[in-house]
Amino acid sequence: MRLDWGWVSSFGPAFQGRVARFITKIGASDQCGCRRWLGDFTVKGYGKIYFTTPFGVIYGAHRVALFLYTRHYPYKDCACHKCDNPWCVAVGHLWWGSRAENVLDMYAKGRAVNVRGEQCGSSVLTRIDVKIIRKEFAGGLYTMTALARRFHVSVEAISDVVHLETWRDI
């Protein structure tokens, strides 16, 4: 990583030390130009770091690398990967993008996993439950509160099912 040390040194020796330690945790470029983070990782494979700057704290090695390179840290934006390697901290592979841009990039690259209904790990209801809920509510047999108690979900979840906010494919 090439840095303008004049910029870094203007914030004093403590910040310079943090930058120097950060740089020691960056591996050499591989055949694709990716530079592997050599420190700790999150469960999703991103470089894990808690980096204090004069402007606040940055989490994530790729975000720190991009901040040091661009001298800019948009807190709400994502440090997006062109290479799709979460461990990569090569600044040429990173760009600041909004959450929406990051999601569009994910879909464009075919990395989106679109699980629905029972395939979703947090799903409580089944396809059969959804059919029963809609039929019994439409027929006036049960209130949303009664259905929520019966199926062990929130009233909001029942409302979403009834109003086709969720489970639209059924």
N, C-alpha and C. Protein backbone atom coordinates (compact mmCIF):
# COMPACT_ATOMS: atom_id res chain seq x y z
N MET A 1 0.85 -1.17 0.00
CA MET A 1 0.00 0.00 0.00
C MET A 1 0.90 1.23 0.00
N ARG A 2 0.65 2.15 -0.90
CA ARG A 2 1.43 3.37 -0.97
C ARG A 2 0.69 4.47 -0.23
N LEU A 3 1.35 5.05 0.74
CA LEU A 3 0.72 6.10 1.52
C LEU A 3 1.47 7.40 1.40
N ASP A 4 0.76 8.48 1.55
CA ASP A 4 1.37 9.80 1.64
C ASP A 4 1.69 9.98 3.12
N TRP A 5 2.94 9.70 3.50
CA TRP A 5 3.31 9.76 4.91
C TRP A 5 3.23 11.16 5.49
N GLY A 6 3.29 12.17 4.64
CA GLY A 6 3.12 13.54 5.13
C GLY A 6 1.75 13.71 5.76
N TRP A 7 0.76 13.13 5.12
CA TRP A 7 -0.60 13.20 5.64
C TRP A 7 -0.72 12.44 6.96
N VAL A 8 -0.15 11.24 7.01
CA VAL A 8 -0.24 10.40 8.21
C VAL A 8 0.54 11.04 9.36
N SER A 9 1.73 11.56 9.08
CA SER A 9 2.58 12.11 10.14
C SER A 9 2.00 13.38 10.75
N SER A 10 1.10 14.04 10.06
CA SER A 10 0.52 15.27 10.60
C SER A 10 -0.37 15.00 11.82
N PHE A 11 -0.70 13.72 12.08
CA PHE A 11 -1.55 13.39 13.22
C PHE A 11 -0.77 12.84 14.41
N GLY A 12 0.53 12.87 14.36
CA GLY A 12 1.34 12.52 15.51
C GLY A 12 1.79 11.08 15.56
N PRO A 13 2.70 10.79 16.50
CA PRO A 13 3.34 9.47 16.58
C PRO A 13 2.39 8.32 16.93
N ALA A 14 1.37 8.57 17.73
CA ALA A 14 0.46 7.47 18.09
C ALA A 14 -0.27 6.96 16.84
N PHE A 15 -0.77 7.87 16.02
CA PHE A 15 -1.45 7.49 14.79
C PHE A 15 -0.48 6.84 13.81
N GLN A 16 0.73 7.39 13.71
CA GLN A 16 1.75 6.81 12.84
C GLN A 16 2.04 5.37 13.24
N GLY A 17 2.10 5.11 14.55
CA GLY A 17 2.35 3.75 15.05
C GLY A 17 1.23 2.80 14.67
N ARG A 18 -0.02 3.27 14.78
CA ARG A 18 -1.16 2.42 14.41
C ARG A 18 -1.12 2.10 12.92
N VAL A 19 -0.76 3.08 12.10
CA VAL A 19 -0.67 2.86 10.65
C VAL A 19 0.45 1.87 10.35
N ALA A 20 1.58 2.04 10.99
CA ALA A 20 2.72 1.13 10.76
C ALA A 20 2.35 -0.30 11.15
N ARG A 21 1.67 -0.48 12.28
CA ARG A 21 1.24 -1.83 12.70
C ARG A 21 0.22 -2.40 11.72
N PHE A 22 -0.68 -1.56 11.23
CA PHE A 22 -1.66 -2.00 10.24
C PHE A 22 -0.95 -2.54 8.99
N ILE A 23 0.01 -1.80 8.52
CA ILE A 23 0.71 -2.18 7.29
C ILE A 23 1.46 -3.50 7.45
N THR A 24 1.94 -3.80 8.66
CA THR A 24 2.65 -5.08 8.87
C THR A 24 1.72 -6.28 8.74
N LYS A 25 0.41 -6.03 8.79
CA LYS A 25 -0.56 -7.13 8.69
C LYS A 25 -1.13 -7.29 7.28
N ILE A 26 -0.45 -6.70 6.31
CA ILE A 26 -0.88 -6.82 4.91
C ILE A 26 0.12 -7.71 4.18
N GLY A 27 -0.38 -8.77 3.58
CA GLY A 27 0.47 -9.70 2.84
C GLY A 27 0.83 -9.17 1.46
N ALA A 28 1.73 -9.89 0.81
CA ALA A 28 2.16 -9.54 -0.55
C ALA A 28 1.02 -9.78 -1.54
N SER A 29 1.11 -9.16 -2.69
CA SER A 29 0.10 -9.34 -3.74
C SER A 29 0.15 -10.76 -4.29
N ASP A 30 -1.03 -11.34 -4.54
CA ASP A 30 -1.09 -12.65 -5.19
C ASP A 30 -1.20 -12.45 -6.69
N GLN A 31 -1.42 -13.52 -7.45
CA GLN A 31 -1.47 -13.44 -8.91
C GLN A 31 -2.61 -12.56 -9.42
N CYS A 32 -3.64 -12.34 -8.61
CA CYS A 32 -4.78 -11.50 -9.02
C CYS A 32 -4.62 -10.06 -8.54
N GLY A 33 -3.56 -9.80 -7.80
CA GLY A 33 -3.34 -8.46 -7.26
C GLY A 33 -3.96 -8.25 -5.88
N CYS A 34 -4.61 -9.29 -5.36
CA CYS A 34 -5.19 -9.18 -4.02
C CYS A 34 -4.08 -9.17 -2.97
N ARG A 35 -4.31 -8.42 -1.92
CA ARG A 35 -3.37 -8.41 -0.80
C ARG A 35 -4.12 -8.92 0.42
N ARG A 36 -3.69 -10.07 0.92
CA ARG A 36 -4.38 -10.75 2.01
C ARG A 36 -4.12 -10.06 3.34
N TRP A 37 -5.19 -9.91 4.10
CA TRP A 37 -5.09 -9.42 5.48
C TRP A 37 -4.53 -10.55 6.33
N LEU A 38 -3.49 -10.27 7.09
CA LEU A 38 -2.82 -11.31 7.88
C LEU A 38 -3.24 -11.30 9.35
N GLY A 39 -4.12 -10.42 9.71
CA GLY A 39 -4.60 -10.35 11.09
C GLY A 39 -5.80 -11.25 11.31
N ASP A 40 -6.61 -10.90 12.28
CA ASP A 40 -7.80 -11.68 12.62
C ASP A 40 -8.90 -11.47 11.57
N PHE A 41 -9.89 -12.39 11.59
CA PHE A 41 -10.99 -12.33 10.63
C PHE A 41 -12.33 -12.42 11.34
N THR A 42 -13.35 -11.86 10.69
CA THR A 42 -14.72 -12.01 11.16
C THR A 42 -15.23 -13.38 10.70
N VAL A 43 -16.39 -13.79 11.15
CA VAL A 43 -16.95 -15.07 10.73
C VAL A 43 -17.28 -15.08 9.24
N LYS A 44 -17.45 -13.90 8.64
CA LYS A 44 -17.73 -13.82 7.21
C LYS A 44 -16.46 -13.69 6.36
N GLY A 45 -15.29 -13.74 7.01
CA GLY A 45 -14.04 -13.74 6.27
C GLY A 45 -13.40 -12.38 6.04
N TYR A 46 -13.98 -11.32 6.59
CA TYR A 46 -13.40 -9.98 6.43
C TYR A 46 -12.30 -9.77 7.46
N GLY A 47 -11.30 -8.97 7.07
CA GLY A 47 -10.24 -8.62 8.01
C GLY A 47 -10.82 -7.86 9.19
N LYS A 48 -10.46 -8.30 10.38
CA LYS A 48 -11.04 -7.73 11.59
C LYS A 48 -10.02 -6.83 12.27
N ILE A 49 -10.40 -5.59 12.49
CA ILE A 49 -9.53 -4.65 13.18
C ILE A 49 -10.38 -3.54 13.80
N TYR A 50 -9.90 -3.02 14.89
CA TYR A 50 -10.49 -1.88 15.58
C TYR A 50 -9.43 -0.80 15.48
N PHE A 51 -9.64 0.17 14.62
CA PHE A 51 -8.60 1.15 14.29
C PHE A 51 -9.07 2.54 14.67
N THR A 52 -8.36 3.16 15.61
CA THR A 52 -8.71 4.49 16.08
C THR A 52 -8.00 5.53 15.22
N THR A 53 -8.79 6.47 14.70
CA THR A 53 -8.23 7.56 13.90
C THR A 53 -8.53 8.88 14.61
N PRO A 54 -7.95 9.96 14.15
CA PRO A 54 -8.30 11.27 14.73
C PRO A 54 -9.77 11.64 14.50
N PHE A 55 -10.45 10.91 13.61
CA PHE A 55 -11.84 11.21 13.27
C PHE A 55 -12.83 10.24 13.89
N GLY A 56 -12.36 9.21 14.54
CA GLY A 56 -13.24 8.20 15.12
C GLY A 56 -12.66 6.81 14.90
N VAL A 57 -13.47 5.81 15.17
CA VAL A 57 -13.02 4.42 15.09
C VAL A 57 -13.54 3.79 13.79
N ILE A 58 -12.68 3.01 13.14
CA ILE A 58 -13.06 2.29 11.93
C ILE A 58 -12.95 0.80 12.23
N TYR A 59 -13.95 0.04 11.83
CA TYR A 59 -13.95 -1.40 11.98
C TYR A 59 -13.81 -2.02 10.60
N GLY A 60 -12.96 -2.99 10.46
CA GLY A 60 -12.78 -3.69 9.19
C GLY A 60 -11.51 -3.28 8.49
N ALA A 61 -10.65 -4.26 8.20
CA ALA A 61 -9.35 -3.97 7.59
C ALA A 61 -9.50 -3.33 6.21
N HIS A 62 -10.46 -3.78 5.43
CA HIS A 62 -10.64 -3.20 4.09
C HIS A 62 -11.09 -1.74 4.18
N ARG A 63 -11.87 -1.41 5.19
CA ARG A 63 -12.31 -0.03 5.39
C ARG A 63 -11.13 0.85 5.82
N VAL A 64 -10.28 0.32 6.68
CA VAL A 64 -9.10 1.07 7.12
C VAL A 64 -8.17 1.31 5.93
N ALA A 65 -7.93 0.27 5.13
CA ALA A 65 -7.05 0.41 3.97
C ALA A 65 -7.57 1.50 3.03
N LEU A 66 -8.86 1.48 2.76
CA LEU A 66 -9.44 2.46 1.84
C LEU A 66 -9.40 3.86 2.44
N PHE A 67 -9.63 3.96 3.74
CA PHE A 67 -9.54 5.25 4.43
C PHE A 67 -8.12 5.81 4.31
N LEU A 68 -7.12 4.99 4.58
CA LEU A 68 -5.73 5.47 4.52
C LEU A 68 -5.34 5.89 3.11
N TYR A 69 -5.89 5.22 2.13
CA TYR A 69 -5.58 5.53 0.74
C TYR A 69 -6.30 6.78 0.25
N THR A 70 -7.60 6.88 0.56
CA THR A 70 -8.41 7.99 0.03
C THR A 70 -8.42 9.21 0.95
N ARG A 71 -8.01 9.02 2.21
CA ARG A 71 -8.07 10.08 3.23
C ARG A 71 -9.51 10.53 3.47
N HIS A 72 -10.41 9.65 3.21
CA HIS A 72 -11.84 9.97 3.30
C HIS A 72 -12.54 8.79 3.96
N TYR A 73 -13.44 9.06 4.90
CA TYR A 73 -14.16 7.96 5.53
C TYR A 73 -15.64 8.29 5.62
N PRO A 74 -16.42 7.86 4.63
CA PRO A 74 -17.87 8.06 4.68
C PRO A 74 -18.49 6.97 5.56
N TYR A 75 -18.86 7.31 6.78
CA TYR A 75 -19.31 6.33 7.77
C TYR A 75 -20.47 5.46 7.30
N LYS A 76 -21.36 6.00 6.49
CA LYS A 76 -22.53 5.22 6.08
C LYS A 76 -22.26 4.37 4.84
N ASP A 77 -21.16 4.62 4.16
CA ASP A 77 -20.88 3.88 2.94
C ASP A 77 -20.16 2.56 3.22
N CYS A 78 -20.17 1.69 2.23
CA CYS A 78 -19.49 0.40 2.30
C CYS A 78 -18.15 0.50 1.57
N ALA A 79 -17.17 -0.23 2.06
CA ALA A 79 -15.93 -0.40 1.32
C ALA A 79 -16.16 -1.65 0.47
N CYS A 80 -16.46 -1.44 -0.79
CA CYS A 80 -16.84 -2.52 -1.70
C CYS A 80 -15.61 -3.14 -2.35
N HIS A 81 -15.68 -4.44 -2.63
CA HIS A 81 -14.58 -5.18 -3.26
C HIS A 81 -14.87 -5.42 -4.74
N LYS A 82 -13.96 -5.02 -5.60
CA LYS A 82 -14.07 -5.37 -7.02
C LYS A 82 -13.75 -6.85 -7.21
N CYS A 83 -12.86 -7.37 -6.36
CA CYS A 83 -12.38 -8.75 -6.50
C CYS A 83 -13.26 -9.77 -5.78
N ASP A 84 -14.15 -9.33 -4.93
CA ASP A 84 -15.05 -10.21 -4.16
C ASP A 84 -14.33 -11.12 -3.18
N ASN A 85 -13.13 -10.75 -2.77
CA ASN A 85 -12.42 -11.49 -1.73
C ASN A 85 -12.49 -10.68 -0.45
N PRO A 86 -13.28 -11.11 0.53
CA PRO A 86 -13.48 -10.30 1.74
C PRO A 86 -12.18 -10.05 2.51
N TRP A 87 -11.19 -10.90 2.37
CA TRP A 87 -9.92 -10.74 3.08
C TRP A 87 -8.97 -9.79 2.38
N CYS A 88 -9.31 -9.34 1.17
CA CYS A 88 -8.43 -8.48 0.37
C CYS A 88 -8.44 -7.04 0.88
N VAL A 89 -7.24 -6.48 1.04
CA VAL A 89 -7.11 -5.07 1.44
C VAL A 89 -6.33 -4.28 0.39
N ALA A 90 -6.24 -4.78 -0.83
CA ALA A 90 -5.57 -4.06 -1.91
C ALA A 90 -6.43 -2.85 -2.29
N VAL A 91 -5.87 -1.66 -2.14
CA VAL A 91 -6.68 -0.46 -2.34
C VAL A 91 -7.17 -0.32 -3.78
N GLY A 92 -6.49 -0.91 -4.73
CA GLY A 92 -6.95 -0.89 -6.11
C GLY A 92 -8.17 -1.76 -6.34
N HIS A 93 -8.49 -2.62 -5.38
CA HIS A 93 -9.65 -3.51 -5.48
C HIS A 93 -10.83 -3.00 -4.68
N LEU A 94 -10.67 -1.86 -4.04
CA LEU A 94 -11.70 -1.34 -3.13
C LEU A 94 -12.25 -0.01 -3.63
N TRP A 95 -13.51 0.24 -3.32
CA TRP A 95 -14.14 1.52 -3.65
C TRP A 95 -15.25 1.80 -2.65
N TRP A 96 -15.47 3.09 -2.37
CA TRP A 96 -16.56 3.48 -1.49
C TRP A 96 -17.86 3.44 -2.28
N GLY A 97 -18.86 2.80 -1.73
CA GLY A 97 -20.17 2.74 -2.38
C GLY A 97 -21.27 2.71 -1.34
N SER A 98 -22.43 3.14 -1.72
CA SER A 98 -23.57 3.10 -0.81
C SER A 98 -23.99 1.65 -0.59
N ARG A 99 -24.83 1.44 0.38
CA ARG A 99 -25.36 0.09 0.65
C ARG A 99 -26.08 -0.43 -0.60
N ALA A 100 -26.86 0.44 -1.23
CA ALA A 100 -27.60 0.05 -2.44
C ALA A 100 -26.63 -0.33 -3.56
N GLU A 101 -25.57 0.43 -3.74
CA GLU A 101 -24.58 0.11 -4.77
C GLU A 101 -23.90 -1.23 -4.49
N ASN A 102 -23.62 -1.48 -3.22
CA ASN A 102 -22.99 -2.75 -2.84
C ASN A 102 -23.91 -3.93 -3.14
N VAL A 103 -25.20 -3.76 -2.87
CA VAL A 103 -26.17 -4.83 -3.15
C VAL A 103 -26.31 -5.04 -4.66
N LEU A 104 -26.38 -3.95 -5.42
CA LEU A 104 -26.47 -4.06 -6.88
C LEU A 104 -25.23 -4.77 -7.44
N ASP A 105 -24.06 -4.44 -6.89
CA ASP A 105 -22.82 -5.09 -7.31
C ASP A 105 -22.87 -6.59 -7.01
N MET A 106 -23.41 -6.95 -5.85
CA MET A 106 -23.54 -8.34 -5.47
C MET A 106 -24.44 -9.09 -6.46
N TYR A 107 -25.58 -8.51 -6.82
CA TYR A 107 -26.48 -9.15 -7.77
C TYR A 107 -25.85 -9.24 -9.15
N ALA A 108 -25.17 -8.18 -9.58
CA ALA A 108 -24.54 -8.17 -10.90
C ALA A 108 -23.48 -9.26 -11.04
N LYS A 109 -22.83 -9.58 -9.93
CA LYS A 109 -21.78 -10.60 -9.94
C LYS A 109 -22.31 -12.00 -9.62
N GLY A 110 -23.62 -12.11 -9.44
CA GLY A 110 -24.23 -13.41 -9.19
C GLY A 110 -23.94 -13.99 -7.82
N ARG A 111 -23.66 -13.13 -6.84
CA ARG A 111 -23.35 -13.62 -5.50
C ARG A 111 -24.54 -13.58 -4.56
N ALA A 112 -25.68 -13.12 -5.04
CA ALA A 112 -26.85 -13.01 -4.18
C ALA A 112 -27.45 -14.38 -3.91
N VAL A 113 -27.73 -14.63 -2.68
CA VAL A 113 -28.40 -15.86 -2.29
C VAL A 113 -29.82 -15.47 -1.91
N ASN A 114 -30.77 -15.93 -2.68
CA ASN A 114 -32.15 -15.52 -2.47
C ASN A 114 -32.93 -16.70 -1.91
N VAL A 115 -32.96 -16.81 -0.59
CA VAL A 115 -33.73 -17.89 0.03
C VAL A 115 -35.10 -17.37 0.41
N ARG A 116 -36.08 -18.21 0.22
CA ARG A 116 -37.46 -17.82 0.50
C ARG A 116 -38.13 -18.89 1.34
N GLY A 117 -39.14 -18.42 2.05
CA GLY A 117 -40.01 -19.35 2.78
C GLY A 117 -39.27 -20.25 3.75
N GLU A 118 -39.55 -21.53 3.68
CA GLU A 118 -38.98 -22.50 4.61
C GLU A 118 -37.48 -22.66 4.45
N GLN A 119 -36.93 -22.27 3.30
CA GLN A 119 -35.48 -22.35 3.09
C GLN A 119 -34.73 -21.36 3.96
N CYS A 120 -35.40 -20.30 4.38
CA CYS A 120 -34.79 -19.30 5.24
C CYS A 120 -34.63 -19.88 6.64
N GLY A 121 -33.43 -19.83 7.15
CA GLY A 121 -33.14 -20.45 8.45
C GLY A 121 -33.93 -19.89 9.61
N SER A 122 -34.40 -18.66 9.51
CA SER A 122 -35.15 -18.06 10.62
C SER A 122 -36.66 -18.22 10.47
N SER A 123 -37.09 -18.92 9.45
CA SER A 123 -38.52 -19.08 9.20
C SER A 123 -39.16 -19.97 10.26
N VAL A 124 -40.28 -19.51 10.78
CA VAL A 124 -41.05 -20.28 11.75
C VAL A 124 -42.22 -20.97 11.04
N LEU A 125 -42.79 -20.27 10.09
CA LEU A 125 -43.95 -20.79 9.37
C LEU A 125 -43.55 -21.68 8.20
N THR A 126 -44.46 -22.55 7.82
CA THR A 126 -44.27 -23.39 6.63
C THR A 126 -45.26 -22.94 5.56
N ARG A 127 -45.11 -23.47 4.36
CA ARG A 127 -46.03 -23.14 3.27
C ARG A 127 -47.47 -23.52 3.65
N ILE A 128 -47.62 -24.66 4.29
CA ILE A 128 -48.96 -25.12 4.71
C ILE A 128 -49.54 -24.16 5.75
N ASP A 129 -48.70 -23.72 6.71
CA ASP A 129 -49.16 -22.76 7.72
C ASP A 129 -49.68 -21.48 7.06
N VAL A 130 -48.94 -21.00 6.06
CA VAL A 130 -49.33 -19.77 5.38
C VAL A 130 -50.68 -19.92 4.70
N LYS A 131 -50.90 -21.06 4.03
CA LYS A 131 -52.20 -21.30 3.38
C LYS A 131 -53.33 -21.33 4.41
N ILE A 132 -53.09 -21.99 5.52
CA ILE A 132 -54.10 -22.07 6.59
C ILE A 132 -54.39 -20.69 7.15
N ILE A 133 -53.35 -19.91 7.43
CA ILE A 133 -53.51 -18.57 8.00
C ILE A 133 -54.37 -17.70 7.08
N ARG A 134 -54.03 -17.69 5.80
CA ARG A 134 -54.78 -16.85 4.86
C ARG A 134 -56.24 -17.30 4.74
N LYS A 135 -56.45 -18.61 4.69
CA LYS A 135 -57.81 -19.15 4.55
C LYS A 135 -58.64 -18.83 5.79
N GLU A 136 -58.08 -19.09 6.97
CA GLU A 136 -58.84 -18.89 8.20
C GLU A 136 -59.07 -17.42 8.51
N PHE A 137 -58.12 -16.56 8.17
CA PHE A 137 -58.34 -15.13 8.40
C PHE A 137 -59.37 -14.58 7.41
N ALA A 138 -59.24 -14.98 6.15
CA ALA A 138 -60.18 -14.51 5.12
C ALA A 138 -61.60 -14.97 5.42
N GLY A 139 -61.73 -16.15 5.99
CA GLY A 139 -63.06 -16.68 6.32
C GLY A 139 -63.62 -16.12 7.61
N GLY A 140 -62.85 -15.28 8.29
CA GLY A 140 -63.32 -14.67 9.53
C GLY A 140 -63.33 -15.63 10.71
N LEU A 141 -62.64 -16.76 10.58
CA LEU A 141 -62.63 -17.74 11.65
C LEU A 141 -61.76 -17.31 12.84
N TYR A 142 -60.66 -16.60 12.54
CA TYR A 142 -59.72 -16.21 13.59
C TYR A 142 -59.26 -14.77 13.39
N THR A 143 -58.91 -14.11 14.48
CA THR A 143 -58.30 -12.78 14.40
C THR A 143 -56.80 -12.99 14.19
N MET A 144 -56.11 -11.92 13.86
CA MET A 144 -54.66 -12.00 13.70
C MET A 144 -53.99 -12.37 15.02
N THR A 145 -54.50 -11.84 16.10
CA THR A 145 -53.93 -12.14 17.41
C THR A 145 -54.07 -13.63 17.73
N ALA A 146 -55.23 -14.19 17.46
CA ALA A 146 -55.45 -15.62 17.72
C ALA A 146 -54.55 -16.48 16.83
N LEU A 147 -54.39 -16.08 15.57
CA LEU A 147 -53.51 -16.83 14.66
C LEU A 147 -52.05 -16.72 15.11
N ALA A 148 -51.67 -15.55 15.58
CA ALA A 148 -50.30 -15.36 16.07
C ALA A 148 -50.01 -16.29 17.24
N ARG A 149 -50.96 -16.38 18.17
CA ARG A 149 -50.79 -17.29 19.32
C ARG A 149 -50.73 -18.74 18.85
N ARG A 150 -51.60 -19.09 17.95
CA ARG A 150 -51.69 -20.49 17.48
C ARG A 150 -50.41 -20.93 16.76
N PHE A 151 -49.82 -20.02 15.95
CA PHE A 151 -48.64 -20.38 15.16
C PHE A 151 -47.32 -19.92 15.79
N HIS A 152 -47.39 -19.36 16.99
CA HIS A 152 -46.20 -18.95 17.76
C HIS A 152 -45.35 -17.93 17.02
N VAL A 153 -46.01 -16.93 16.44
CA VAL A 153 -45.33 -15.82 15.78
C VAL A 153 -45.98 -14.51 16.24
N SER A 154 -45.43 -13.39 15.82
CA SER A 154 -45.99 -12.09 16.21
C SER A 154 -47.22 -11.76 15.37
N VAL A 155 -48.00 -10.83 15.88
CA VAL A 155 -49.17 -10.35 15.13
C VAL A 155 -48.68 -9.69 13.84
N GLU A 156 -47.54 -9.01 13.90
CA GLU A 156 -46.97 -8.38 12.69
C GLU A 156 -46.65 -9.42 11.63
N ALA A 157 -46.14 -10.57 12.04
CA ALA A 157 -45.83 -11.64 11.09
C ALA A 157 -47.10 -12.14 10.42
N ILE A 158 -48.16 -12.28 11.19
CA ILE A 158 -49.45 -12.72 10.63
C ILE A 158 -49.98 -11.66 9.67
N SER A 159 -49.89 -10.40 10.06
CA SER A 159 -50.34 -9.30 9.21
C SER A 159 -49.57 -9.31 7.88
N ASP A 160 -48.26 -9.52 7.94
CA ASP A 160 -47.45 -9.57 6.72
C ASP A 160 -47.87 -10.72 5.81
N VAL A 161 -48.20 -11.86 6.39
CA VAL A 161 -48.65 -13.01 5.61
C VAL A 161 -50.00 -12.70 4.96
N VAL A 162 -50.93 -12.18 5.74
CA VAL A 162 -52.29 -11.90 5.26
C VAL A 162 -52.28 -10.84 4.16
N HIS A 163 -51.44 -9.81 4.33
CA HIS A 163 -51.39 -8.70 3.37
C HIS A 163 -50.34 -8.90 2.28
N LEU A 164 -49.84 -10.11 2.15
CA LEU A 164 -48.89 -10.49 1.10
C LEU A 164 -47.60 -9.69 1.11
N GLU A 165 -47.19 -9.25 2.31
CA GLU A 165 -45.89 -8.59 2.44
C GLU A 165 -44.79 -9.65 2.48
N THR A 166 -45.13 -10.82 2.98
CA THR A 166 -44.22 -11.96 2.98
C THR A 166 -44.95 -13.16 2.37
N TRP A 167 -44.18 -14.14 1.96
CA TRP A 167 -44.73 -15.36 1.39
C TRP A 167 -45.62 -15.04 0.17
N ARG A 168 -45.21 -14.11 -0.67
CA ARG A 168 -46.00 -13.70 -1.84
C ARG A 168 -46.13 -14.80 -2.87
N ASP A 169 -45.19 -15.73 -2.89
CA ASP A 169 -45.20 -16.77 -3.91
C ASP A 169 -46.25 -17.86 -3.65
N ILE A 170 -46.94 -17.77 -2.55
CA ILE A 170 -47.96 -18.78 -2.22
C ILE A 170 -49.34 -18.20 -2.44
